[in-house]
Amino acid sequence: MKLDVQFFARYREVLGVDAEQIEGDFATIEQLRGHLLQRGGDWQVLAEHGLMCARNQELCAVGELLADGDEVAFFPTVTGG
């Protein structure tokens, strides 16, 4: 399966990439995240508590099922006052 993966805000800054296409056999966003974490180094930023994600531009949980061609976005929790 091919996925379009996007990184926003601080994740984009830390990783130095805003998007990439990833091929693999991932049933859920959590499995995709695990694959990215295996890269080590700066990619560990995706292990932080409070990570938010979206599938096809809709907020979802990391347990969300994936399908070929999905767009997945990772972004940190947004806070404001």
C-alpha atoms as a PDB file:
ATOM      1  CA  MET A   1       0.000   0.000   0.000  1.00  0.00           C
ATOM      2  CA  LYS A   2       1.071   3.575  -0.639  1.00  0.00           C
ATOM      3  CA  LEU A   3       0.369   6.316   1.886  1.00  0.00           C
ATOM      4  CA  ASP A   4       0.884  10.056   1.682  1.00  0.00           C
ATOM      5  CA  VAL A   5       2.233  11.082   5.088  1.00  0.00           C
ATOM      6  CA  GLN A   6       2.382  14.703   6.208  1.00  0.00           C
ATOM      7  CA  PHE A   7       4.073  16.295   9.191  1.00  0.00           C
ATOM      8  CA  PHE A   8       2.941  19.616  10.628  1.00  0.00           C
ATOM      9  CA  ALA A   9       4.142  22.321  13.007  1.00  0.00           C
ATOM     10  CA  ARG A  10       6.991  21.293  15.308  1.00  0.00           C
ATOM     11  CA  TYR A  11       7.166  17.791  13.801  1.00  0.00           C
ATOM     12  CA  ARG A  12       7.924  19.279  10.392  1.00  0.00           C
ATOM     13  CA  GLU A  13      10.612  21.483  11.937  1.00  0.00           C
ATOM     14  CA  VAL A  14      12.282  18.672  13.900  1.00  0.00           C
ATOM     15  CA  LEU A  15      12.167  16.153  11.052  1.00  0.00           C
ATOM     16  CA  GLY A  16      13.107  18.589   8.310  1.00  0.00           C
ATOM     17  CA  VAL A  17      10.424  17.174   6.023  1.00  0.00           C
ATOM     18  CA  ASP A  18       6.828  18.188   5.469  1.00  0.00           C
ATOM     19  CA  ALA A  19       5.615  15.116   3.567  1.00  0.00           C
ATOM     20  CA  GLU A  20       6.672  11.841   2.041  1.00  0.00           C
ATOM     21  CA  GLN A  21       5.111   8.866   0.329  1.00  0.00           C
ATOM     22  CA  ILE A  22       5.588   5.614   2.220  1.00  0.00           C
ATOM     23  CA  GLU A  23       5.011   2.104   0.948  1.00  0.00           C
ATOM     24  CA  GLY A  24       4.407  -0.777   3.315  1.00  0.00           C
ATOM     25  CA  ASP A  25       1.899  -3.081   4.891  1.00  0.00           C
ATOM     26  CA  PHE A  26       0.358  -1.039   7.726  1.00  0.00           C
ATOM     27  CA  ALA A  27      -3.050  -1.961   9.121  1.00  0.00           C
ATOM     28  CA  THR A  28      -3.280   1.078  11.414  1.00  0.00           C
ATOM     29  CA  ILE A  29      -1.776   4.506  11.923  1.00  0.00           C
ATOM     30  CA  GLU A  30      -0.067   3.123  15.030  1.00  0.00           C
ATOM     31  CA  GLN A  31       1.775   0.567  12.884  1.00  0.00           C
ATOM     32  CA  LEU A  32       2.830   3.332  10.507  1.00  0.00           C
ATOM     33  CA  ARG A  33       4.047   5.403  13.448  1.00  0.00           C
ATOM     34  CA  GLY A  34       6.005   2.396  14.750  1.00  0.00           C
ATOM     35  CA  HIS A  35       7.684   2.079  11.358  1.00  0.00           C
ATOM     36  CA  LEU A  36       8.686   5.741  11.456  1.00  0.00           C
ATOM     37  CA  LEU A  37       9.959   5.447  15.045  1.00  0.00           C
ATOM     38  CA  GLN A  38      12.297   2.638  13.961  1.00  0.00           C
ATOM     39  CA  ARG A  39      14.239   5.238  11.997  1.00  0.00           C
ATOM     40  CA  GLY A  40      15.557   6.492  15.348  1.00  0.00           C
ATOM     41  CA  GLY A  41      17.085   9.899  16.008  1.00  0.00           C
ATOM     42  CA  ASP A  42      14.776  12.856  15.454  1.00  0.00           C
ATOM     43  CA  TRP A  43      11.953  10.501  14.481  1.00  0.00           C
ATOM     44  CA  GLN A  44      11.468   9.768  18.195  1.00  0.00           C
ATOM     45  CA  VAL A  45       9.518  13.032  18.350  1.00  0.00           C
ATOM     46  CA  LEU A  46       6.559  10.992  17.038  1.00  0.00           C
ATOM     47  CA  ALA A  47       6.592   8.931  20.262  1.00  0.00           C
ATOM     48  CA  GLU A  48       5.543  11.864  22.397  1.00  0.00           C
ATOM     49  CA  HIS A  49       2.370  11.805  24.434  1.00  0.00           C
ATOM     50  CA  GLY A  50      -0.324  13.967  22.895  1.00  0.00           C
ATOM     51  CA  LEU A  51       0.535  13.282  19.266  1.00  0.00           C
ATOM     52  CA  MET A  52      -2.492  13.940  17.103  1.00  0.00           C
ATOM     53  CA  CYS A  53      -3.257  12.401  13.745  1.00  0.00           C
ATOM     54  CA  ALA A  54      -5.703  12.590  10.892  1.00  0.00           C
ATOM     55  CA  ARG A  55      -6.681  10.208   8.126  1.00  0.00           C
ATOM     56  CA  ASN A  56      -7.886  11.797   4.908  1.00  0.00           C
ATOM     57  CA  GLN A  57      -8.168  15.172   6.655  1.00  0.00           C
ATOM     58  CA  GLU A  58     -10.350  13.908   9.525  1.00  0.00           C
ATOM     59  CA  LEU A  59      -9.054  13.712  13.092  1.00  0.00           C
ATOM     60  CA  CYS A  60      -8.752  10.161  14.334  1.00  0.00           C
ATOM     61  CA  ALA A  61      -7.056   7.902  16.869  1.00  0.00           C
ATOM     62  CA  VAL A  62      -3.792   6.079  16.172  1.00  0.00           C
ATOM     63  CA  GLY A  63      -5.793   2.841  16.017  1.00  0.00           C
ATOM     64  CA  GLU A  64      -7.541   4.042  12.836  1.00  0.00           C
ATOM     65  CA  LEU A  65      -7.457   1.491  10.017  1.00  0.00           C
ATOM     66  CA  LEU A  66      -5.600   2.419   6.842  1.00  0.00           C
ATOM     67  CA  ALA A  67      -6.305   1.772   3.178  1.00  0.00           C
ATOM     68  CA  ASP A  68      -4.150   2.145   0.091  1.00  0.00           C
ATOM     69  CA  GLY A  69      -3.897   5.772  -1.004  1.00  0.00           C
ATOM     70  CA  ASP A  70      -4.790   7.268   2.382  1.00  0.00           C
ATOM     71  CA  GLU A  71      -3.357  10.569   3.483  1.00  0.00           C
ATOM     72  CA  VAL A  72      -2.075  10.503   7.063  1.00  0.00           C
ATOM     73  CA  ALA A  73      -1.074  13.613   8.989  1.00  0.00           C
ATOM     74  CA  PHE A  74       0.819  13.857  12.265  1.00  0.00           C
ATOM     75  CA  PHE A  75       0.811  17.017  14.364  1.00  0.00           C
ATOM     76  CA  PRO A  76       1.409  17.975  17.986  1.00  0.00           C
ATOM     77  CA  THR A  77      -1.389  18.917  20.335  1.00  0.00           C
ATOM     78  CA  VAL A  78      -2.390  22.519  19.785  1.00  0.00           C
ATOM     79  CA  THR A  79      -2.842  24.667  22.869  1.00  0.00           C
ATOM     80  CA  GLY A  80      -3.815  28.256  23.164  1.00  0.00           C
ATOM     81  CA  GLY A  81      -5.207  30.806  25.488  1.00  0.00           C
END
